[in-house]
PDB file of N, CA and C in Angstrom:
ATOM      1  N   UNK A   1      78.321 112.829  44.348  1.00  0.00           N
ATOM      2  CA  UNK A   1      79.109 113.123  45.473  1.00  0.00           C
ATOM      3  C   UNK A   1      79.536 111.801  46.180  1.00  0.00           C
ATOM      4  N   UNK A   2      80.810 111.885  46.641  1.00  0.00           N
ATOM      5  CA  UNK A   2      81.286 110.696  47.357  1.00  0.00           C
ATOM      6  C   UNK A   2      81.296 111.089  48.835  1.00  0.00           C
ATOM      7  N   UNK A   3      80.921 110.141  49.626  1.00  0.00           N
ATOM      8  CA  UNK A   3      80.986 110.287  51.087  1.00  0.00           C
ATOM      9  C   UNK A   3      82.414 110.092  51.503  1.00  0.00           C
ATOM     10  N   UNK A   4      82.893 110.881  52.463  1.00  0.00           N
ATOM     11  CA  UNK A   4      84.278 110.672  52.926  1.00  0.00           C
ATOM     12  C   UNK A   4      84.188 110.132  54.367  1.00  0.00           C
ATOM     13  N   UNK A   5      84.795 109.029  54.555  1.00  0.00           N
ATOM     14  CA  UNK A   5      84.756 108.306  55.848  1.00  0.00           C
ATOM     15  C   UNK A   5      86.177 108.350  56.464  1.00  0.00           C
ATOM     16  N   UNK A   6      86.270 108.380  57.774  1.00  0.00           N
ATOM     17  CA  UNK A   6      87.578 108.297  58.381  1.00  0.00           C
ATOM     18  C   UNK A   6      88.149 106.931  58.149  1.00  0.00           C
ATOM     19  N   UNK A   7      89.427 106.826  57.990  1.00  0.00           N
ATOM     20  CA  UNK A   7      90.094 105.521  57.820  1.00  0.00           C
ATOM     21  C   UNK A   7      89.700 104.568  58.967  1.00  0.00           C
ATOM     22  N   UNK A   8      89.660 103.303  58.640  1.00  0.00           N
ATOM     23  CA  UNK A   8      89.309 102.307  59.622  1.00  0.00           C
ATOM     24  C   UNK A   8      90.177 102.358  60.852  1.00  0.00           C
ATOM     25  N   UNK A   9      91.501 102.577  60.633  1.00  0.00           N
ATOM     26  CA  UNK A   9      92.427 102.616  61.772  1.00  0.00           C
ATOM     27  C   UNK A   9      92.124 103.741  62.714  1.00  0.00           C
ATOM     28  N   UNK A  10      91.670 104.846  62.203  1.00  0.00           N
ATOM     29  CA  UNK A  10      91.265 105.994  63.084  1.00  0.00           C
ATOM     30  C   UNK A  10      90.065 105.669  63.881  1.00  0.00           C
ATOM     31  N   UNK A  11      89.137 104.982  63.321  1.00  0.00           N
ATOM     32  CA  UNK A  11      87.906 104.528  64.046  1.00  0.00           C
ATOM     33  C   UNK A  11      88.242 103.611  65.116  1.00  0.00           C
ATOM     34  N   UNK A  12      89.121 102.636  64.784  1.00  0.00           N
ATOM     35  CA  UNK A  12      89.475 101.647  65.804  1.00  0.00           C
ATOM     36  C   UNK A  12      90.235 102.318  66.952  1.00  0.00           C
ATOM     37  N   UNK A  13      91.074 103.337  66.592  1.00  0.00           N
ATOM     38  CA  UNK A  13      91.837 104.023  67.706  1.00  0.00           C
ATOM     39  C   UNK A  13      90.898 104.772  68.582  1.00  0.00           C
ATOM     40  N   UNK A  14      89.881 105.409  68.022  1.00  0.00           N
ATOM     41  CA  UNK A  14      88.878 106.155  68.840  1.00  0.00           C
ATOM     42  C   UNK A  14      88.088 105.187  69.685  1.00  0.00           C
ATOM     43  N   UNK A  15      87.669 104.079  69.158  1.00  0.00           N
ATOM     44  CA  UNK A  15      86.897 103.068  69.946  1.00  0.00           C
ATOM     45  C   UNK A  15      87.798 102.491  71.057  1.00  0.00           C
ATOM     46  N   UNK A  16      89.006 102.240  70.743  1.00  0.00           N
ATOM     47  CA  UNK A  16      89.929 101.688  71.758  1.00  0.00           C
ATOM     48  C   UNK A  16      90.158 102.702  72.910  1.00  0.00           C
ATOM     49  N   UNK A  17      90.298 104.004  72.555  1.00  0.00           N
ATOM     50  CA  UNK A  17      90.475 105.077  73.482  1.00  0.00           C
ATOM     51  C   UNK A  17      89.230 105.216  74.356  1.00  0.00           C
ATOM     52  N   UNK A  18      88.098 105.196  73.710  1.00  0.00           N
ATOM     53  CA  UNK A  18      86.805 105.279  74.467  1.00  0.00           C
ATOM     54  C   UNK A  18      86.626 104.094  75.468  1.00  0.00           C
ATOM     55  N   UNK A  19      87.016 102.891  75.002  1.00  0.00           N
ATOM     56  CA  UNK A  19      86.942 101.691  75.846  1.00  0.00           C
ATOM     57  C   UNK A  19      87.847 101.843  77.043  1.00  0.00           C
ATOM     58  N   UNK A  20      89.104 102.260  76.815  1.00  0.00           N
ATOM     59  CA  UNK A  20      90.032 102.428  77.955  1.00  0.00           C
ATOM     60  C   UNK A  20      89.508 103.478  78.916  1.00  0.00           C
ATOM     61  N   UNK A  21      88.992 104.573  78.422  1.00  0.00           N
ATOM     62  CA  UNK A  21      88.472 105.559  79.356  1.00  0.00           C
ATOM     63  C   UNK A  21      87.309 105.082  80.147  1.00  0.00           C
ATOM     64  N   UNK A  22      86.430 104.313  79.475  1.00  0.00           N
ATOM     65  CA  UNK A  22      85.291 103.690  80.196  1.00  0.00           C
ATOM     66  C   UNK A  22      85.702 102.709  81.269  1.00  0.00           C
ATOM     67  N   UNK A  23      86.743 101.902  80.936  1.00  0.00           N
ATOM     68  CA  UNK A  23      87.222 100.931  81.928  1.00  0.00           C
ATOM     69  C   UNK A  23      87.895 101.682  83.092  1.00  0.00           C
ATOM     70  N   UNK A  24      88.629 102.726  82.748  1.00  0.00           N
ATOM     71  CA  UNK A  24      89.258 103.478  83.874  1.00  0.00           C
ATOM     72  C   UNK A  24      88.269 104.092  84.789  1.00  0.00           C
ATOM     73  N   UNK A  25      87.204 104.709  84.198  1.00  0.00           N
ATOM     74  CA  UNK A  25      86.154 105.282  85.074  1.00  0.00           C
ATOM     75  C   UNK A  25      85.437 104.221  85.860  1.00  0.00           C
ATOM     76  N   UNK A  26      85.210 103.088  85.255  1.00  0.00           N
ATOM     77  CA  UNK A  26      84.469 102.006  85.976  1.00  0.00           C
ATOM     78  C   UNK A  26      85.412 101.492  87.171  1.00  0.00           C
ATOM     79  N   UNK A  27      86.671 101.310  86.945  1.00  0.00           N
ATOM     80  CA  UNK A  27      87.530 100.837  87.954  1.00  0.00           C
ATOM     81  C   UNK A  27      87.675 101.871  89.117  1.00  0.00           C
ATOM     82  N   UNK A  28      87.686 103.163  88.778  1.00  0.00           N
ATOM     83  CA  UNK A  28      87.759 104.172  89.832  1.00  0.00           C
ATOM     84  C   UNK A  28      86.500 104.151  90.659  1.00  0.00           C
ATOM     85  N   UNK A  29      85.377 103.974  90.016  1.00  0.00           N
ATOM     86  CA  UNK A  29      84.085 103.967  90.767  1.00  0.00           C
ATOM     87  C   UNK A  29      84.037 102.741  91.652  1.00  0.00           C
ATOM     88  N   UNK A  30      84.464 101.543  91.151  1.00  0.00           N
ATOM     89  CA  UNK A  30      84.398 100.389  91.985  1.00  0.00           C
ATOM     90  C   UNK A  30      85.428 100.421  93.106  1.00  0.00           C
ATOM     91  N   UNK A  31      86.567 101.048  92.887  1.00  0.00           N
ATOM     92  CA  UNK A  31      87.553 101.172  93.956  1.00  0.00           C
ATOM     93  C   UNK A  31      87.088 102.025  95.066  1.00  0.00           C
ATOM     94  N   UNK A  32      86.344 103.081  94.675  1.00  0.00           N
ATOM     95  CA  UNK A  32      85.776 103.936  95.777  1.00  0.00           C
ATOM     96  C   UNK A  32      84.751 103.209  96.580  1.00  0.00           C
ATOM     97  N   UNK A  33      84.018 102.338  95.954  1.00  0.00           N
ATOM     98  CA  UNK A  33      82.942 101.581  96.684  1.00  0.00           C
ATOM     99  C   UNK A  33      83.554 100.387  97.414  1.00  0.00           C
ATOM    100  N   UNK A  34      84.738  99.939  97.043  1.00  0.00           N
ATOM    101  CA  UNK A  34      85.317  98.737  97.595  1.00  0.00           C
ATOM    102  C   UNK A  34      85.974  98.932  98.971  1.00  0.00           C
ATOM    103  N   UNK A  35      86.224 100.188  99.332  1.00  0.00           N
ATOM    104  CA  UNK A  35      86.889 100.456 100.616  1.00  0.00           C
ATOM    105  C   UNK A  35      85.852 100.327 101.733  1.00  0.00           C
ATOM    106  N   UNK A  36      85.976  99.263 102.516  1.00  0.00           N
ATOM    107  CA  UNK A  36      84.975  99.100 103.587  1.00  0.00           C
ATOM    108  C   UNK A  36      85.399  99.892 104.858  1.00  0.00           C
ATOM    109  N   UNK A  37      84.438 100.164 105.716  1.00  0.00           N
ATOM    110  CA  UNK A  37      84.733 100.782 106.935  1.00  0.00           C
ATOM    111  C   UNK A  37      84.954 102.282 106.810  1.00  0.00           C
ATOM    112  N   UNK A  38      85.076 102.871 108.035  1.00  0.00           N
ATOM    113  CA  UNK A  38      85.319 104.308 108.133  1.00  0.00           C
ATOM    114  C   UNK A  38      86.840 104.555 107.999  1.00  0.00           C
ATOM    115  N   UNK A  39      87.220 105.755 107.796  1.00  0.00           N
ATOM    116  CA  UNK A  39      88.676 106.085 107.793  1.00  0.00           C
ATOM    117  C   UNK A  39      89.380 105.736 109.066  1.00  0.00           C
ATOM    118  N   UNK A  40      88.670 105.871 110.205  1.00  0.00           N
ATOM    119  CA  UNK A  40      89.227 105.506 111.456  1.00  0.00           C
ATOM    120  C   UNK A  40      89.473 103.980 111.560  1.00  0.00           C
ATOM    121  N   UNK A  41      88.491 103.209 111.079  1.00  0.00           N
ATOM    122  CA  UNK A  41      88.713 101.734 111.098  1.00  0.00           C
ATOM    123  C   UNK A  41      89.766 101.326 110.210  1.00  0.00           C
ATOM    124  N   UNK A  42      89.884 101.918 109.028  1.00  0.00           N
ATOM    125  CA  UNK A  42      91.030 101.568 108.114  1.00  0.00           C
ATOM    126  C   UNK A  42      92.354 101.962 108.741  1.00  0.00           C
ATOM    127  N   UNK A  43      92.386 103.111 109.369  1.00  0.00           N
ATOM    128  CA  UNK A  43      93.663 103.521 110.060  1.00  0.00           C
ATOM    129  C   UNK A  43      94.035 102.582 111.189  1.00  0.00           C
ATOM    130  N   UNK A  44      93.064 102.065 111.903  1.00  0.00           N
ATOM    131  CA  UNK A  44      93.325 101.136 113.002  1.00  0.00           C
ATOM    132  C   UNK A  44      93.917  99.794 112.500  1.00  0.00           C
ATOM    133  N   UNK A  45      93.424  99.354 111.333  1.00  0.00           N
ATOM    134  CA  UNK A  45      93.774  98.039 110.813  1.00  0.00           C
ATOM    135  C   UNK A  45      94.873  98.004 109.741  1.00  0.00           C
ATOM    136  N   UNK A  46      95.294  99.195 109.206  1.00  0.00           N
ATOM    137  CA  UNK A  46      96.282  99.223 108.199  1.00  0.00           C
ATOM    138  C   UNK A  46      97.586  98.576 108.623  1.00  0.00           C
ATOM    139  N   UNK A  47      98.153  98.922 109.796  1.00  0.00           N
ATOM    140  CA  UNK A  47      99.415  98.270 110.208  1.00  0.00           C
ATOM    141  C   UNK A  47      99.300  96.716 110.269  1.00  0.00           C
ATOM    142  N   UNK A  48      98.132  96.253 110.730  1.00  0.00           N
ATOM    143  CA  UNK A  48      97.917  94.782 110.832  1.00  0.00           C
ATOM    144  C   UNK A  48      97.855  94.192 109.423  1.00  0.00           C
ATOM    145  N   UNK A  49      97.241  94.881 108.488  1.00  0.00           N
ATOM    146  CA  UNK A  49      97.149  94.372 107.133  1.00  0.00           C
ATOM    147  C   UNK A  49      98.521  94.199 106.563  1.00  0.00           C
ATOM    148  N   UNK A  50      99.372  95.167 106.728  1.00  0.00           N
ATOM    149  CA  UNK A  50     100.766  95.058 106.202  1.00  0.00           C
ATOM    150  C   UNK A  50     101.582  94.039 106.974  1.00  0.00           C
ATOM    151  N   UNK A  51     101.291  93.880 108.264  1.00  0.00           N
ATOM    152  CA  UNK A  51     102.077  92.941 109.050  1.00  0.00           C
ATOM    153  C   UNK A  51     101.625  91.508 108.789  1.00  0.00           C
ATOM    154  N   UNK A  52     100.285  91.261 108.727  1.00  0.00           N
ATOM    155  CA  UNK A  52      99.753  89.902 108.671  1.00  0.00           C
ATOM    156  C   UNK A  52      99.179  89.496 107.339  1.00  0.00           C
ATOM    157  N   UNK A  53      98.771  90.442 106.443  1.00  0.00           N
ATOM    158  CA  UNK A  53      98.046  90.059 105.252  1.00  0.00           C
ATOM    159  C   UNK A  53      98.574  90.784 104.017  1.00  0.00           C
ATOM    160  N   UNK A  54      99.826  91.107 103.950  1.00  0.00           N
ATOM    161  CA  UNK A  54     100.378  91.938 102.825  1.00  0.00           C
ATOM    162  C   UNK A  54     100.209  91.135 101.519  1.00  0.00           C
ATOM    163  N   UNK A  55     100.243  89.850 101.503  1.00  0.00           N
ATOM    164  CA  UNK A  55     100.073  89.112 100.306  1.00  0.00           C
ATOM    165  C   UNK A  55      98.680  89.202  99.724  1.00  0.00           C
ATOM    166  N   UNK A  56      97.710  89.672 100.468  1.00  0.00           N
ATOM    167  CA  UNK A  56      96.339  89.727 100.005  1.00  0.00           C
ATOM    168  C   UNK A  56      95.994  91.068  99.379  1.00  0.00           C
ATOM    169  N   UNK A  57      96.915  92.054  99.510  1.00  0.00           N
ATOM    170  CA  UNK A  57      96.607  93.451  98.984  1.00  0.00           C
ATOM    171  C   UNK A  57      96.672  93.312  97.499  1.00  0.00           C
ATOM    172  N   UNK A  58      95.692  93.845  96.722  1.00  0.00           N
ATOM    173  CA  UNK A  58      94.639  94.819  97.054  1.00  0.00           C
ATOM    174  C   UNK A  58      93.244  94.207  97.222  1.00  0.00           C
ATOM    175  N   UNK A  59      93.106  92.885  97.339  1.00  0.00           N
ATOM    176  CA  UNK A  59      91.866  92.192  97.413  1.00  0.00           C
ATOM    177  C   UNK A  59      91.199  92.403  98.784  1.00  0.00           C
ATOM    178  N   UNK A  60      90.183  93.278  98.813  1.00  0.00           N
ATOM    179  CA  UNK A  60      89.555  93.727 100.068  1.00  0.00           C
ATOM    180  C   UNK A  60      88.898  92.522 100.841  1.00  0.00           C
ATOM    181  N   UNK A  61      88.235  91.663 100.063  1.00  0.00           N
ATOM    182  CA  UNK A  61      87.621  90.513 100.701  1.00  0.00           C
ATOM    183  C   UNK A  61      88.662  89.516 101.272  1.00  0.00           C
ATOM    184  N   UNK A  62      89.769  89.332 100.573  1.00  0.00           N
ATOM    185  CA  UNK A  62      90.825  88.407 101.082  1.00  0.00           C
ATOM    186  C   UNK A  62      91.482  89.054 102.270  1.00  0.00           C
ATOM    187  N   UNK A  63      91.650  90.348 102.315  1.00  0.00           N
ATOM    188  CA  UNK A  63      92.313  91.004 103.459  1.00  0.00           C
ATOM    189  C   UNK A  63      91.385  90.857 104.674  1.00  0.00           C
ATOM    190  N   UNK A  64      90.102  91.039 104.499  1.00  0.00           N
ATOM    191  CA  UNK A  64      89.128  90.949 105.582  1.00  0.00           C
ATOM    192  C   UNK A  64      89.140  89.519 106.152  1.00  0.00           C
ATOM    193  N   UNK A  65      89.174  88.530 105.220  1.00  0.00           N
ATOM    194  CA  UNK A  65      89.226  87.143 105.677  1.00  0.00           C
ATOM    195  C   UNK A  65      90.538  86.849 106.468  1.00  0.00           C
ATOM    196  N   UNK A  66      91.606  87.373 105.895  1.00  0.00           N
ATOM    197  CA  UNK A  66      92.939  87.154 106.564  1.00  0.00           C
ATOM    198  C   UNK A  66      92.935  87.736 107.935  1.00  0.00           C
ATOM    199  N   UNK A  67      92.440  88.961 108.100  1.00  0.00           N
ATOM    200  CA  UNK A  67      92.443  89.609 109.424  1.00  0.00           C
ATOM    201  C   UNK A  67      91.529  88.780 110.394  1.00  0.00           C
ATOM    202  N   UNK A  68      90.420  88.242 109.901  1.00  0.00           N
ATOM    203  CA  UNK A  68      89.558  87.422 110.748  1.00  0.00           C
ATOM    204  C   UNK A  68      90.298  86.119 111.173  1.00  0.00           C
ATOM    205  N   UNK A  69      91.055  85.522 110.234  1.00  0.00           N
ATOM    206  CA  UNK A  69      91.795  84.293 110.527  1.00  0.00           C
ATOM    207  C   UNK A  69      92.863  84.515 111.594  1.00  0.00           C
ATOM    208  N   UNK A  70      93.445  85.805 111.563  1.00  0.00           N
ATOM    209  CA  UNK A  70      94.522  86.124 112.446  1.00  0.00           C
ATOM    210  C   UNK A  70      94.055  87.029 113.633  1.00  0.00           C
ATOM    211  N   UNK A  71      92.834  86.880 113.994  1.00  0.00           N
ATOM    212  CA  UNK A  71      92.194  87.667 115.050  1.00  0.00           C
ATOM    213  C   UNK A  71      93.012  87.688 116.311  1.00  0.00           C
ATOM    214  N   UNK A  72      93.602  86.563 116.673  1.00  0.00           N
ATOM    215  CA  UNK A  72      94.415  86.538 117.931  1.00  0.00           C
ATOM    216  C   UNK A  72      95.671  87.372 117.831  1.00  0.00           C
ATOM    217  N   UNK A  73      96.175  87.756 116.606  1.00  0.00           N
ATOM    218  CA  UNK A  73      97.379  88.487 116.448  1.00  0.00           C
ATOM    219  C   UNK A  73      97.095  89.957 116.123  1.00  0.00           C
ATOM    220  N   UNK A  74      95.864  90.351 116.130  1.00  0.00           N
ATOM    221  CA  UNK A  74      95.537  91.770 115.775  1.00  0.00           C
ATOM    222  C   UNK A  74      95.870  92.677 116.898  1.00  0.00           C
ATOM    223  N   UNK A  75      96.207  93.955 116.518  1.00  0.00           N
ATOM    224  CA  UNK A  75      96.432  94.987 117.542  1.00  0.00           C
ATOM    225  C   UNK A  75      95.090  95.226 118.234  1.00  0.00           C
ATOM    226  N   UNK A  76      95.151  95.876 119.361  1.00  0.00           N
ATOM    227  CA  UNK A  76      93.981  96.117 120.069  1.00  0.00           C
ATOM    228  C   UNK A  76      93.014  97.062 119.354  1.00  0.00           C
ATOM    229  N   UNK A  77      93.532  98.033 118.624  1.00  0.00           N
ATOM    230  CA  UNK A  77      92.716  98.923 117.855  1.00  0.00           C
ATOM    231  C   UNK A  77      91.958  98.222 116.746  1.00  0.00           C
ATOM    232  N   UNK A  78      92.651  97.332 115.988  1.00  0.00           N
ATOM    233  CA  UNK A  78      92.009  96.584 114.903  1.00  0.00           C
ATOM    234  C   UNK A  78      91.089  95.582 115.447  1.00  0.00           C
ATOM    235  N   UNK A  79      91.455  94.915 116.558  1.00  0.00           N
ATOM    236  CA  UNK A  79      90.543  93.909 117.097  1.00  0.00           C
ATOM    237  C   UNK A  79      89.198  94.534 117.538  1.00  0.00           C
ATOM    238  N   UNK A  80      89.279  95.801 118.021  1.00  0.00           N
ATOM    239  CA  UNK A  80      88.033  96.490 118.343  1.00  0.00           C
ATOM    240  C   UNK A  80      87.141  96.713 117.144  1.00  0.00           C
ATOM    241  N   UNK A  81      87.756  96.956 116.028  1.00  0.00           N
ATOM    242  CA  UNK A  81      86.945  97.116 114.769  1.00  0.00           C
ATOM    243  C   UNK A  81      86.129  95.863 114.463  1.00  0.00           C
ATOM    244  N   UNK A  82      86.690  94.681 114.653  1.00  0.00           N
ATOM    245  CA  UNK A  82      86.022  93.434 114.393  1.00  0.00           C
ATOM    246  C   UNK A  82      85.079  93.051 115.481  1.00  0.00           C
ATOM    247  N   UNK A  83      85.129  93.638 116.601  1.00  0.00           N
ATOM    248  CA  UNK A  83      84.190  93.387 117.680  1.00  0.00           C
ATOM    249  C   UNK A  83      82.898  94.184 117.553  1.00  0.00           C
ATOM    250  N   UNK A  84      82.901  95.221 116.700  1.00  0.00           N
ATOM    251  CA  UNK A  84      81.750  96.070 116.537  1.00  0.00           C
ATOM    252  C   UNK A  84      80.625  95.349 115.830  1.00  0.00           C
TER     253      UNK A  84
END
């Protein structure tokens, strides 16, 4: 009896597909954890992010640092978030 194996290209395709699915799931999980603050805090600072730090999107750490650098220009609502 001869063993029948799937062609190498089919195995590579399955492995590639599994890798992509794994990376997608990992990125979704990290994105969910990366959003700091409450929904209210994000709502308060979103206009300031677009106005002052649009070039830093989507890097959360860079956005936070940018908002801190521009503390004097923040809206009252967003400034209150950083005072907490």
